PDB file of all heavy atoms in Angstrom:
ATOM      1  N   PHE A   1       2.285   8.436 -11.771  1.00  0.00           N
ATOM      2  CA  PHE A   1       1.321   9.292 -12.447  1.00  0.00           C
ATOM      3  C   PHE A   1       1.199  10.547 -11.712  1.00  0.00           C
ATOM      4  O   PHE A   1       1.323  10.575 -10.451  1.00  0.00           O
ATOM      5  CB  PHE A   1       0.010   8.584 -12.654  1.00  0.00           C
ATOM      6  CG  PHE A   1      -0.033   7.436 -13.593  1.00  0.00           C
ATOM      7  CD1 PHE A   1       0.109   6.122 -13.086  1.00  0.00           C
ATOM      8  CD2 PHE A   1      -0.160   7.544 -15.013  1.00  0.00           C
ATOM      9  CE1 PHE A   1       0.079   5.004 -13.895  1.00  0.00           C
ATOM     10  CE2 PHE A   1      -0.164   6.523 -15.812  1.00  0.00           C
ATOM     11  CZ  PHE A   1      -0.069   5.211 -15.257  1.00  0.00           C
ATOM     12  N   MET A   2       0.772  11.643 -12.357  1.00  0.00           N
ATOM     13  CA  MET A   2       0.402  12.887 -11.778  1.00  0.00           C
ATOM     14  C   MET A   2      -1.149  13.042 -12.046  1.00  0.00           C
ATOM     15  O   MET A   2      -1.580  12.724 -13.101  1.00  0.00           O
ATOM     16  CB  MET A   2       1.125  13.998 -12.261  1.00  0.00           C
ATOM     17  CG  MET A   2       2.697  14.004 -12.211  1.00  0.00           C
ATOM     18  SD  MET A   2       3.133  14.154 -10.513  1.00  0.00           S
ATOM     19  CE  MET A   2       2.934  15.923 -10.163  1.00  0.00           C
ATOM     20  N   ALA A   3      -1.916  13.396 -11.072  1.00  0.00           N
ATOM     21  CA  ALA A   3      -3.341  13.632 -11.198  1.00  0.00           C
ATOM     22  C   ALA A   3      -3.820  14.613 -10.305  1.00  0.00           C
ATOM     23  O   ALA A   3      -3.238  15.023  -9.236  1.00  0.00           O
ATOM     24  CB  ALA A   3      -4.051  12.262 -10.982  1.00  0.00           C
ATOM     25  N   ASP A   4      -5.068  15.152 -10.632  1.00  0.00           N
ATOM     26  CA  ASP A   4      -5.766  16.129  -9.768  1.00  0.00           C
ATOM     27  C   ASP A   4      -6.772  15.467  -8.927  1.00  0.00           C
ATOM     28  O   ASP A   4      -7.343  14.360  -9.266  1.00  0.00           O
ATOM     29  CB  ASP A   4      -6.459  17.154 -10.593  1.00  0.00           C
ATOM     30  CG  ASP A   4      -5.424  18.005 -11.435  1.00  0.00           C
ATOM     31  OD1 ASP A   4      -4.388  18.433 -10.835  1.00  0.00           O
ATOM     32  OD2 ASP A   4      -5.841  18.350 -12.622  1.00  0.00           O
ATOM     33  N   ALA A   5      -7.115  16.012  -7.725  1.00  0.00           N
ATOM     34  CA  ALA A   5      -8.246  15.537  -6.977  1.00  0.00           C
ATOM     35  C   ALA A   5      -9.505  15.565  -7.855  1.00  0.00           C
ATOM     36  O   ALA A   5      -9.702  16.513  -8.596  1.00  0.00           O
ATOM     37  CB  ALA A   5      -8.377  16.380  -5.712  1.00  0.00           C
ATOM     38  N   GLY A   6     -10.347  14.612  -7.690  1.00  0.00           N
ATOM     39  CA  GLY A   6     -11.572  14.529  -8.509  1.00  0.00           C
ATOM     40  C   GLY A   6     -11.410  13.706  -9.694  1.00  0.00           C
ATOM     41  O   GLY A   6     -12.433  13.296 -10.353  1.00  0.00           O
ATOM     42  N   THR A   7     -10.211  13.245 -10.075  1.00  0.00           N
ATOM     43  CA  THR A   7      -9.960  12.378 -11.221  1.00  0.00           C
ATOM     44  C   THR A   7     -10.361  11.057 -10.918  1.00  0.00           C
ATOM     45  O   THR A   7     -10.027  10.569  -9.756  1.00  0.00           O
ATOM     46  CB  THR A   7      -8.395  12.474 -11.618  1.00  0.00           C
ATOM     47  OG1 THR A   7      -8.027  13.743 -11.895  1.00  0.00           O
ATOM     48  CG2 THR A   7      -8.111  11.532 -12.771  1.00  0.00           C
ATOM     49  N   THR A   8     -10.987  10.287 -11.825  1.00  0.00           N
ATOM     50  CA  THR A   8     -11.342   8.899 -11.615  1.00  0.00           C
ATOM     51  C   THR A   8     -10.249   8.047 -12.217  1.00  0.00           C
ATOM     52  O   THR A   8      -9.839   8.182 -13.401  1.00  0.00           O
ATOM     53  CB  THR A   8     -12.673   8.564 -12.324  1.00  0.00           C
ATOM     54  OG1 THR A   8     -13.743   9.409 -11.743  1.00  0.00           O
ATOM     55  CG2 THR A   8     -13.063   7.127 -12.138  1.00  0.00           C
ATOM     56  N   VAL A   9      -9.843   7.013 -11.397  1.00  0.00           N
ATOM     57  CA  VAL A   9      -8.857   6.119 -11.875  1.00  0.00           C
ATOM     58  C   VAL A   9      -9.557   4.733 -11.945  1.00  0.00           C
ATOM     59  O   VAL A   9     -10.239   4.401 -11.107  1.00  0.00           O
ATOM     60  CB  VAL A   9      -7.611   6.009 -10.994  1.00  0.00           C
ATOM     61  CG1 VAL A   9      -7.907   5.654  -9.586  1.00  0.00           C
ATOM     62  CG2 VAL A   9      -6.556   5.146 -11.474  1.00  0.00           C
ATOM     63  N   THR A  10      -9.258   4.020 -13.089  1.00  0.00           N
ATOM     64  CA  THR A  10      -9.856   2.693 -13.244  1.00  0.00           C
ATOM     65  C   THR A  10      -8.812   1.717 -13.635  1.00  0.00           C
ATOM     66  O   THR A  10      -7.898   1.932 -14.307  1.00  0.00           O
ATOM     67  CB  THR A  10     -10.864   2.763 -14.487  1.00  0.00           C
ATOM     68  OG1 THR A  10     -11.893   3.770 -14.191  1.00  0.00           O
ATOM     69  CG2 THR A  10     -11.548   1.422 -14.742  1.00  0.00           C
ATOM     70  N   LEU A  11      -8.959   0.471 -12.967  1.00  0.00           N
ATOM     71  CA  LEU A  11      -7.987  -0.560 -13.260  1.00  0.00           C
ATOM     72  C   LEU A  11      -8.727  -1.782 -13.691  1.00  0.00           C
ATOM     73  O   LEU A  11      -9.744  -2.220 -13.170  1.00  0.00           O
ATOM     74  CB  LEU A  11      -7.249  -0.963 -11.876  1.00  0.00           C
ATOM     75  CG  LEU A  11      -6.342  -2.177 -12.021  1.00  0.00           C
ATOM     76  CD1 LEU A  11      -5.189  -1.842 -12.942  1.00  0.00           C
ATOM     77  CD2 LEU A  11      -5.817  -2.505 -10.632  1.00  0.00           C
ATOM     78  N   LYS A  12      -8.352  -2.386 -14.786  1.00  0.00           N
ATOM     79  CA  LYS A  12      -8.847  -3.597 -15.416  1.00  0.00           C
ATOM     80  C   LYS A  12      -7.701  -4.654 -15.399  1.00  0.00           C
ATOM     81  O   LYS A  12      -6.534  -4.240 -15.747  1.00  0.00           O
ATOM     82  CB  LYS A  12      -9.351  -3.411 -16.797  1.00  0.00           C
ATOM     83  CG  LYS A  12     -10.443  -2.312 -16.803  1.00  0.00           C
ATOM     84  CD  LYS A  12     -11.816  -2.943 -17.023  1.00  0.00           C
ATOM     85  CE  LYS A  12     -12.804  -1.777 -17.274  1.00  0.00           C
ATOM     86  NZ  LYS A  12     -13.969  -1.976 -16.620  1.00  0.00           N
ATOM     87  N   THR A  13      -7.972  -5.924 -15.007  1.00  0.00           N
ATOM     88  CA  THR A  13      -7.026  -6.961 -15.124  1.00  0.00           C
ATOM     89  C   THR A  13      -7.515  -8.142 -15.863  1.00  0.00           C
ATOM     90  O   THR A  13      -8.744  -8.334 -15.855  1.00  0.00           O
ATOM     91  CB  THR A  13      -6.604  -7.449 -13.637  1.00  0.00           C
ATOM     92  OG1 THR A  13      -7.744  -8.058 -13.056  1.00  0.00           O
ATOM     93  CG2 THR A  13      -6.066  -6.309 -12.825  1.00  0.00           C
ATOM     94  N   THR A  14      -6.650  -8.864 -16.535  1.00  0.00           N
ATOM     95  CA  THR A  14      -6.907 -10.003 -17.325  1.00  0.00           C
ATOM     96  C   THR A  14      -5.931 -11.089 -16.936  1.00  0.00           C
ATOM     97  O   THR A  14      -4.881 -11.224 -17.562  1.00  0.00           O
ATOM     98  CB  THR A  14      -6.910  -9.800 -18.858  1.00  0.00           C
ATOM     99  OG1 THR A  14      -7.725  -8.608 -19.096  1.00  0.00           O
ATOM    100  CG2 THR A  14      -7.543 -10.941 -19.590  1.00  0.00           C
ATOM    101  N   PRO A  15      -6.206 -11.765 -15.826  1.00  0.00           N
ATOM    102  CA  PRO A  15      -5.208 -12.785 -15.340  1.00  0.00           C
ATOM    103  C   PRO A  15      -5.463 -14.083 -16.057  1.00  0.00           C
ATOM    104  O   PRO A  15      -6.524 -14.374 -16.616  1.00  0.00           O
ATOM    105  CB  PRO A  15      -5.473 -12.854 -13.870  1.00  0.00           C
ATOM    106  CG  PRO A  15      -6.882 -12.534 -13.740  1.00  0.00           C
ATOM    107  CD  PRO A  15      -7.283 -11.570 -14.885  1.00  0.00           C
ATOM    108  N   ASP A  16      -4.486 -14.985 -16.007  1.00  0.00           N
ATOM    109  CA  ASP A  16      -4.730 -16.350 -16.434  1.00  0.00           C
ATOM    110  C   ASP A  16      -5.413 -17.136 -15.380  1.00  0.00           C
ATOM    111  O   ASP A  16      -5.659 -16.550 -14.309  1.00  0.00           O
ATOM    112  CB  ASP A  16      -3.381 -17.004 -16.909  1.00  0.00           C
ATOM    113  CG  ASP A  16      -2.314 -17.220 -15.875  1.00  0.00           C
ATOM    114  OD1 ASP A  16      -2.678 -17.293 -14.688  1.00  0.00           O
ATOM    115  OD2 ASP A  16      -1.177 -17.375 -16.239  1.00  0.00           O
ATOM    116  N   ALA A  17      -5.599 -18.452 -15.570  1.00  0.00           N
ATOM    117  CA  ALA A  17      -6.424 -19.250 -14.597  1.00  0.00           C
ATOM    118  C   ALA A  17      -5.667 -19.531 -13.290  1.00  0.00           C
ATOM    119  O   ALA A  17      -6.214 -20.039 -12.313  1.00  0.00           O
ATOM    120  CB  ALA A  17      -6.827 -20.498 -15.186  1.00  0.00           C
ATOM    121  N   ASN A  18      -4.381 -19.260 -13.217  1.00  0.00           N
ATOM    122  CA  ASN A  18      -3.605 -19.608 -12.017  1.00  0.00           C
ATOM    123  C   ASN A  18      -3.590 -18.452 -10.932  1.00  0.00           C
ATOM    124  O   ASN A  18      -2.855 -18.594  -9.826  1.00  0.00           O
ATOM    125  CB  ASN A  18      -2.145 -19.884 -12.401  1.00  0.00           C
ATOM    126  CG  ASN A  18      -2.023 -21.141 -13.249  1.00  0.00           C
ATOM    127  OD1 ASN A  18      -2.790 -22.105 -12.948  1.00  0.00           O
ATOM    128  ND2 ASN A  18      -1.125 -21.207 -14.070  1.00  0.00           N
ATOM    129  N   VAL A  19      -4.380 -17.358 -11.197  1.00  0.00           N
ATOM    130  CA  VAL A  19      -4.236 -16.279 -10.099  1.00  0.00           C
ATOM    131  C   VAL A  19      -5.559 -15.671  -9.993  1.00  0.00           C
ATOM    132  O   VAL A  19      -6.362 -15.524 -10.940  1.00  0.00           O
ATOM    133  CB  VAL A  19      -3.194 -15.230 -10.660  1.00  0.00           C
ATOM    134  CG1 VAL A  19      -3.539 -14.542 -11.857  1.00  0.00           C
ATOM    135  CG2 VAL A  19      -2.947 -14.195  -9.492  1.00  0.00           C
ATOM    136  N   VAL A  20      -5.894 -15.201  -8.807  1.00  0.00           N
ATOM    137  CA  VAL A  20      -6.967 -14.323  -8.461  1.00  0.00           C
ATOM    138  C   VAL A  20      -6.344 -13.085  -7.888  1.00  0.00           C
ATOM    139  O   VAL A  20      -5.376 -13.027  -7.192  1.00  0.00           O
ATOM    140  CB  VAL A  20      -7.903 -14.960  -7.447  1.00  0.00           C
ATOM    141  CG1 VAL A  20      -9.004 -14.078  -6.989  1.00  0.00           C
ATOM    142  CG2 VAL A  20      -8.479 -16.249  -7.976  1.00  0.00           C
ATOM    143  N   THR A  21      -6.963 -11.858  -8.249  1.00  0.00           N
ATOM    144  CA  THR A  21      -6.360 -10.562  -7.822  1.00  0.00           C
ATOM    145  C   THR A  21      -7.385  -9.790  -7.027  1.00  0.00           C
ATOM    146  O   THR A  21      -8.581  -9.805  -7.325  1.00  0.00           O
ATOM    147  CB  THR A  21      -5.796  -9.721  -8.953  1.00  0.00           C
ATOM    148  OG1 THR A  21      -6.830  -9.544  -9.925  1.00  0.00           O
ATOM    149  CG2 THR A  21      -4.746 -10.458  -9.671  1.00  0.00           C
ATOM    150  N   TYR A  22      -6.901  -9.108  -6.046  1.00  0.00           N
ATOM    151  CA  TYR A  22      -7.643  -8.150  -5.227  1.00  0.00           C
ATOM    152  C   TYR A  22      -6.925  -6.846  -5.283  1.00  0.00           C
ATOM    153  O   TYR A  22      -5.721  -6.774  -5.534  1.00  0.00           O
ATOM    154  CB  TYR A  22      -7.807  -8.626  -3.786  1.00  0.00           C
ATOM    155  CG  TYR A  22      -8.579  -9.988  -3.742  1.00  0.00           C
ATOM    156  CD1 TYR A  22      -7.981 -11.144  -3.861  1.00  0.00           C
ATOM    157  CD2 TYR A  22     -10.015  -9.896  -3.667  1.00  0.00           C
ATOM    158  CE1 TYR A  22      -8.689 -12.268  -3.873  1.00  0.00           C
ATOM    159  CE2 TYR A  22     -10.734 -11.080  -3.692  1.00  0.00           C
ATOM    160  CZ  TYR A  22     -10.039 -12.327  -3.752  1.00  0.00           C
ATOM    161  OH  TYR A  22     -10.787 -13.416  -3.788  1.00  0.00           O
ATOM    162  N   GLY A  23      -7.567  -5.727  -4.895  1.00  0.00           N
ATOM    163  CA  GLY A  23      -6.959  -4.371  -4.998  1.00  0.00           C
ATOM    164  C   GLY A  23      -7.310  -3.522  -3.807  1.00  0.00           C
ATOM    165  O   GLY A  23      -8.294  -3.714  -3.148  1.00  0.00           O
ATOM    166  N   ALA A  24      -6.506  -2.472  -3.730  1.00  0.00           N
ATOM    167  CA  ALA A  24      -6.662  -1.512  -2.654  1.00  0.00           C
ATOM    168  C   ALA A  24      -6.183  -0.179  -3.151  1.00  0.00           C
ATOM    169  O   ALA A  24      -5.210  -0.137  -3.985  1.00  0.00           O
ATOM    170  CB  ALA A  24      -6.088  -1.870  -1.346  1.00  0.00           C
ATOM    171  N   ILE A  25      -6.730   0.904  -2.624  1.00  0.00           N
ATOM    172  CA  ILE A  25      -6.156   2.241  -2.841  1.00  0.00           C
ATOM    173  C   ILE A  25      -5.699   2.749  -1.477  1.00  0.00           C
ATOM    174  O   ILE A  25      -6.532   2.778  -0.561  1.00  0.00           O
ATOM    175  CB  ILE A  25      -7.139   3.161  -3.477  1.00  0.00           C
ATOM    176  CG1 ILE A  25      -7.448   2.670  -4.902  1.00  0.00           C
ATOM    177  CG2 ILE A  25      -6.658   4.609  -3.538  1.00  0.00           C
ATOM    178  CD1 ILE A  25      -8.447   3.528  -5.732  1.00  0.00           C
ATOM    179  N   LEU A  26      -4.452   3.135  -1.371  1.00  0.00           N
ATOM    180  CA  LEU A  26      -3.913   3.745  -0.134  1.00  0.00           C
ATOM    181  C   LEU A  26      -3.864   5.254  -0.393  1.00  0.00           C
ATOM    182  O   LEU A  26      -3.238   5.728  -1.403  1.00  0.00           O
ATOM    183  CB  LEU A  26      -2.582   3.217   0.268  1.00  0.00           C
ATOM    184  CG  LEU A  26      -2.485   1.831   0.988  1.00  0.00           C
ATOM    185  CD1 LEU A  26      -3.149   0.834   0.170  1.00  0.00           C
ATOM    186  CD2 LEU A  26      -1.190   1.558   1.378  1.00  0.00           C
ATOM    187  N   GLU A  27      -4.535   6.005   0.406  1.00  0.00           N
ATOM    188  CA  GLU A  27      -4.493   7.490   0.285  1.00  0.00           C
ATOM    189  C   GLU A  27      -3.652   8.095   1.305  1.00  0.00           C
ATOM    190  O   GLU A  27      -3.908   7.889   2.593  1.00  0.00           O
ATOM    191  CB  GLU A  27      -6.032   7.940   0.512  1.00  0.00           C
ATOM    192  CG  GLU A  27      -6.260   9.409   0.191  1.00  0.00           C
ATOM    193  CD  GLU A  27      -7.727   9.746   0.304  1.00  0.00           C
ATOM    194  OE1 GLU A  27      -8.274   9.566   1.421  1.00  0.00           O
ATOM    195  OE2 GLU A  27      -8.313  10.143  -0.735  1.00  0.00           O
ATOM    196  N   ARG A  28      -2.551   8.715   0.926  1.00  0.00           N
ATOM    197  CA  ARG A  28      -1.608   9.324   1.850  1.00  0.00           C
ATOM    198  C   ARG A  28      -2.093  10.695   2.293  1.00  0.00           C
ATOM    199  O   ARG A  28      -2.212  11.645   1.438  1.00  0.00           O
ATOM    200  CB  ARG A  28      -0.207   9.339   1.206  1.00  0.00           C
ATOM    201  CG  ARG A  28       0.425   7.933   0.914  1.00  0.00           C
ATOM    202  CD  ARG A  28       1.819   7.953   0.366  1.00  0.00           C
ATOM    203  NE  ARG A  28       2.018   8.880  -0.807  1.00  0.00           N
ATOM    204  CZ  ARG A  28       1.729   8.632  -2.022  1.00  0.00           C
ATOM    205  NH1 ARG A  28       1.213   7.462  -2.333  1.00  0.00           N
ATOM    206  NH2 ARG A  28       2.030   9.478  -2.950  1.00  0.00           N
ATOM    207  N   ILE A  29      -2.315  10.823   3.603  1.00  0.00           N
ATOM    208  CA  ILE A  29      -2.811  12.157   4.057  1.00  0.00           C
ATOM    209  C   ILE A  29      -1.741  12.560   5.224  1.00  0.00           C
ATOM    210  O   ILE A  29      -1.027  11.708   5.667  1.00  0.00           O
ATOM    211  CB  ILE A  29      -4.262  11.990   4.659  1.00  0.00           C
ATOM    212  CG1 ILE A  29      -4.299  10.937   5.744  1.00  0.00           C
ATOM    213  CG2 ILE A  29      -5.284  11.723   3.514  1.00  0.00           C
ATOM    214  CD1 ILE A  29      -5.539  10.831   6.451  1.00  0.00           C
ATOM    215  N   PRO A  30      -1.800  13.872   5.592  1.00  0.00           N
ATOM    216  CA  PRO A  30      -0.903  14.217   6.728  1.00  0.00           C
ATOM    217  C   PRO A  30      -1.212  13.390   7.947  1.00  0.00           C
ATOM    218  O   PRO A  30      -2.343  13.235   8.321  1.00  0.00           O
ATOM    219  CB  PRO A  30      -1.314  15.675   6.961  1.00  0.00           C
ATOM    220  CG  PRO A  30      -1.808  16.065   5.536  1.00  0.00           C
ATOM    221  CD  PRO A  30      -2.504  14.897   4.990  1.00  0.00           C
ATOM    222  N   GLY A  31      -0.216  12.709   8.442  1.00  0.00           N
ATOM    223  CA  GLY A  31      -0.398  11.927   9.646  1.00  0.00           C
ATOM    224  C   GLY A  31      -0.716  10.535   9.449  1.00  0.00           C
ATOM    225  O   GLY A  31      -1.072   9.812  10.356  1.00  0.00           O
ATOM    226  N   GLY A  32      -0.898  10.067   8.263  1.00  0.00           N
ATOM    227  CA  GLY A  32      -1.226   8.693   8.043  1.00  0.00           C
ATOM    228  C   GLY A  32      -1.665   8.192   6.685  1.00  0.00           C
ATOM    229  O   GLY A  32      -1.419   8.936   5.800  1.00  0.00           O
ATOM    230  N   VAL A  33      -2.255   7.199   6.639  1.00  0.00           N
ATOM    231  CA  VAL A  33      -2.739   6.488   5.420  1.00  0.00           C
ATOM    232  C   VAL A  33      -4.214   6.046   5.598  1.00  0.00           C
ATOM    233  O   VAL A  33      -4.596   5.427   6.635  1.00  0.00           O
ATOM    234  CB  VAL A  33      -1.908   5.328   5.011  1.00  0.00           C
ATOM    235  CG1 VAL A  33      -2.463   4.627   3.738  1.00  0.00           C
ATOM    236  CG2 VAL A  33      -0.475   5.820   4.729  1.00  0.00           C
TER     237      VAL A  33
END
C-alpha cells in the first residue's frame, strides 16, 4: 500500500478456533526500526 503520514490503518481478523493472533507495526526510520 501507499499512504501518507497521519493516515490511520485498521486491521480486523476473524480466525477460527484453532488460532490466536497478535500484531505489531514496524516503523522503518533512518538507521533502524
